[in-house]
Amino acid sequence: TVNQGDEVTLRIRSDHADELHLHGYDLHAKLAPHETAELKFTADRSGRFDYELHHAHAELGAIEVQPR
């Protein structure tokens, strides 16, 4: 959970090449096997936003952005 206006960094490491996708913000980060990828953004929209491994169609979690 973060507040609207916060700077957010998602770090993810995968065994396989894929792409991290943050729904609602439509942001993507390419994942290389065994390397850490980062997705940085300003949480300027409030709500609940799922993130997933795009090619594997695997939901990983969600970010909740609380309004100010």
N, C-alpha and C. Protein backbone atom coordinates (compact mmCIF):
# COMPACT_ATOMS: atom_id res chain seq x y z
N THR A 1 0.85 -1.18 0.00
CA THR A 1 0.00 0.00 0.00
C THR A 1 0.89 1.24 0.00
N VAL A 2 0.57 2.17 -0.89
CA VAL A 2 1.29 3.43 -1.00
C VAL A 2 0.26 4.55 -1.06
N ASN A 3 0.74 5.78 -0.94
CA ASN A 3 -0.13 6.95 -1.04
C ASN A 3 0.01 7.58 -2.42
N GLN A 4 -1.08 8.17 -2.89
CA GLN A 4 -1.05 8.85 -4.17
C GLN A 4 0.03 9.93 -4.13
N GLY A 5 0.85 9.96 -5.15
CA GLY A 5 1.97 10.89 -5.23
C GLY A 5 3.30 10.28 -4.84
N ASP A 6 3.28 9.10 -4.20
CA ASP A 6 4.52 8.43 -3.80
C ASP A 6 5.29 7.94 -5.03
N GLU A 7 6.61 7.92 -4.90
CA GLU A 7 7.47 7.29 -5.90
C GLU A 7 7.57 5.82 -5.52
N VAL A 8 7.33 4.93 -6.49
CA VAL A 8 7.30 3.49 -6.23
C VAL A 8 8.33 2.79 -7.10
N THR A 9 9.02 1.83 -6.53
CA THR A 9 9.93 0.97 -7.28
C THR A 9 9.58 -0.48 -7.01
N LEU A 10 9.25 -1.21 -8.08
CA LEU A 10 9.04 -2.65 -7.98
C LEU A 10 10.30 -3.33 -8.49
N ARG A 11 10.83 -4.25 -7.71
CA ARG A 11 11.99 -5.04 -8.13
C ARG A 11 11.56 -6.49 -8.21
N ILE A 12 11.92 -7.13 -9.29
CA ILE A 12 11.53 -8.53 -9.49
C ILE A 12 12.67 -9.29 -10.14
N ARG A 13 12.77 -10.54 -9.76
CA ARG A 13 13.78 -11.44 -10.31
C ARG A 13 13.05 -12.71 -10.73
N SER A 14 13.35 -13.21 -11.91
CA SER A 14 12.65 -14.38 -12.44
C SER A 14 13.65 -15.41 -12.93
N ASP A 15 13.23 -16.67 -12.91
CA ASP A 15 14.06 -17.75 -13.46
C ASP A 15 14.01 -17.77 -14.98
N HIS A 16 12.96 -17.15 -15.55
CA HIS A 16 12.74 -17.20 -16.99
C HIS A 16 12.55 -15.79 -17.56
N ALA A 17 12.84 -15.63 -18.83
CA ALA A 17 12.57 -14.36 -19.51
C ALA A 17 11.05 -14.15 -19.54
N ASP A 18 10.62 -12.95 -19.26
CA ASP A 18 9.20 -12.61 -19.29
C ASP A 18 9.09 -11.10 -19.29
N GLU A 19 7.91 -10.61 -18.95
CA GLU A 19 7.69 -9.18 -18.87
C GLU A 19 6.75 -8.92 -17.71
N LEU A 20 7.16 -8.00 -16.83
CA LEU A 20 6.31 -7.58 -15.73
C LEU A 20 5.36 -6.52 -16.26
N HIS A 21 4.07 -6.68 -15.97
CA HIS A 21 3.06 -5.73 -16.44
C HIS A 21 2.27 -5.23 -15.25
N LEU A 22 2.22 -3.90 -15.09
CA LEU A 22 1.42 -3.27 -14.03
C LEU A 22 0.14 -2.73 -14.67
N HIS A 23 -0.97 -3.38 -14.39
CA HIS A 23 -2.26 -2.98 -14.95
C HIS A 23 -2.69 -1.63 -14.40
N GLY A 24 -3.46 -0.90 -15.17
CA GLY A 24 -3.96 0.40 -14.76
C GLY A 24 -2.99 1.53 -15.04
N TYR A 25 -1.71 1.24 -14.94
CA TYR A 25 -0.66 2.20 -15.30
C TYR A 25 -0.08 1.84 -16.66
N ASP A 26 -0.38 0.64 -17.12
CA ASP A 26 0.12 0.11 -18.40
C ASP A 26 1.64 0.26 -18.52
N LEU A 27 2.34 -0.15 -17.47
CA LEU A 27 3.80 -0.11 -17.45
C LEU A 27 4.34 -1.53 -17.60
N HIS A 28 5.49 -1.64 -18.25
CA HIS A 28 6.10 -2.93 -18.52
C HIS A 28 7.59 -2.87 -18.20
N ALA A 29 8.15 -3.99 -17.75
CA ALA A 29 9.59 -4.13 -17.56
C ALA A 29 9.99 -5.50 -18.09
N LYS A 30 10.98 -5.54 -18.96
CA LYS A 30 11.47 -6.81 -19.51
C LYS A 30 12.30 -7.52 -18.44
N LEU A 31 12.08 -8.83 -18.35
CA LEU A 31 12.79 -9.65 -17.37
C LEU A 31 13.73 -10.60 -18.09
N ALA A 32 14.97 -10.58 -17.69
CA ALA A 32 15.96 -11.53 -18.18
C ALA A 32 16.17 -12.57 -17.07
N PRO A 33 16.44 -13.82 -17.45
CA PRO A 33 16.62 -14.86 -16.43
C PRO A 33 17.71 -14.51 -15.41
N HIS A 34 17.37 -14.65 -14.14
CA HIS A 34 18.31 -14.50 -13.03
C HIS A 34 18.89 -13.10 -12.90
N GLU A 35 18.20 -12.09 -13.44
CA GLU A 35 18.60 -10.69 -13.26
C GLU A 35 17.44 -9.93 -12.63
N THR A 36 17.77 -8.94 -11.81
CA THR A 36 16.74 -8.14 -11.17
C THR A 36 16.35 -6.99 -12.09
N ALA A 37 15.05 -6.85 -12.30
CA ALA A 37 14.52 -5.75 -13.11
C ALA A 37 13.78 -4.78 -12.18
N GLU A 38 13.75 -3.51 -12.57
CA GLU A 38 13.05 -2.50 -11.78
C GLU A 38 12.01 -1.80 -12.64
N LEU A 39 10.90 -1.48 -12.00
CA LEU A 39 9.85 -0.69 -12.62
C LEU A 39 9.58 0.47 -11.67
N LYS A 40 9.92 1.69 -12.09
CA LYS A 40 9.76 2.89 -11.25
C LYS A 40 8.66 3.76 -11.83
N PHE A 41 7.83 4.30 -10.94
CA PHE A 41 6.76 5.18 -11.37
C PHE A 41 6.25 6.02 -10.20
N THR A 42 5.54 7.09 -10.52
CA THR A 42 4.85 7.89 -9.51
C THR A 42 3.42 7.40 -9.42
N ALA A 43 2.97 7.09 -8.23
CA ALA A 43 1.61 6.57 -8.02
C ALA A 43 0.62 7.73 -8.10
N ASP A 44 0.29 8.14 -9.32
CA ASP A 44 -0.58 9.30 -9.49
C ASP A 44 -2.06 8.94 -9.65
N ARG A 45 -2.39 7.66 -9.66
CA ARG A 45 -3.79 7.20 -9.75
C ARG A 45 -4.10 6.38 -8.50
N SER A 46 -5.24 6.64 -7.90
CA SER A 46 -5.62 5.85 -6.72
C SER A 46 -6.40 4.62 -7.16
N GLY A 47 -6.36 3.58 -6.34
CA GLY A 47 -7.07 2.34 -6.62
C GLY A 47 -6.19 1.14 -6.37
N ARG A 48 -6.66 0.00 -6.84
CA ARG A 48 -5.93 -1.27 -6.70
C ARG A 48 -5.47 -1.70 -8.09
N PHE A 49 -4.18 -1.98 -8.23
CA PHE A 49 -3.59 -2.28 -9.52
C PHE A 49 -2.81 -3.59 -9.45
N ASP A 50 -3.26 -4.58 -10.21
CA ASP A 50 -2.60 -5.88 -10.25
C ASP A 50 -1.33 -5.81 -11.09
N TYR A 51 -0.36 -6.63 -10.72
CA TYR A 51 0.82 -6.79 -11.57
C TYR A 51 1.04 -8.28 -11.81
N GLU A 52 1.54 -8.58 -13.01
CA GLU A 52 1.65 -9.98 -13.43
C GLU A 52 2.87 -10.20 -14.30
N LEU A 53 3.22 -11.49 -14.43
CA LEU A 53 4.17 -11.89 -15.47
C LEU A 53 3.34 -12.04 -16.73
N HIS A 54 3.59 -11.19 -17.69
CA HIS A 54 2.74 -11.05 -18.86
C HIS A 54 2.66 -12.33 -19.70
N HIS A 55 3.79 -12.90 -20.06
CA HIS A 55 3.79 -14.07 -20.94
C HIS A 55 3.33 -15.34 -20.22
N ALA A 56 3.65 -15.45 -18.94
CA ALA A 56 3.25 -16.62 -18.16
C ALA A 56 1.80 -16.50 -17.67
N HIS A 57 1.20 -15.31 -17.81
CA HIS A 57 -0.16 -15.05 -17.33
C HIS A 57 -0.28 -15.41 -15.85
N ALA A 58 0.74 -15.02 -15.08
CA ALA A 58 0.77 -15.32 -13.65
C ALA A 58 0.65 -14.03 -12.85
N GLU A 59 -0.45 -13.88 -12.13
CA GLU A 59 -0.61 -12.72 -11.27
C GLU A 59 0.30 -12.87 -10.06
N LEU A 60 1.01 -11.79 -9.73
CA LEU A 60 1.96 -11.82 -8.63
C LEU A 60 1.43 -11.11 -7.39
N GLY A 61 0.63 -10.08 -7.62
CA GLY A 61 0.13 -9.30 -6.48
C GLY A 61 -0.56 -8.04 -6.96
N ALA A 62 -0.73 -7.10 -6.03
CA ALA A 62 -1.38 -5.84 -6.36
C ALA A 62 -0.79 -4.73 -5.53
N ILE A 63 -0.86 -3.54 -6.07
CA ILE A 63 -0.48 -2.32 -5.35
C ILE A 63 -1.76 -1.56 -5.08
N GLU A 64 -1.93 -1.14 -3.84
CA GLU A 64 -3.07 -0.30 -3.49
C GLU A 64 -2.56 1.11 -3.29
N VAL A 65 -3.12 2.04 -4.05
CA VAL A 65 -2.73 3.45 -3.97
C VAL A 65 -3.87 4.20 -3.28
N GLN A 66 -3.58 4.70 -2.09
CA GLN A 66 -4.57 5.44 -1.31
C GLN A 66 -4.60 6.90 -1.76
N PRO A 67 -5.81 7.48 -1.91
CA PRO A 67 -5.89 8.89 -2.30
C PRO A 67 -5.36 9.79 -1.21
N ARG A 68 -4.86 10.93 -1.60
CA ARG A 68 -4.37 11.93 -0.62
C ARG A 68 -5.53 12.72 -0.07
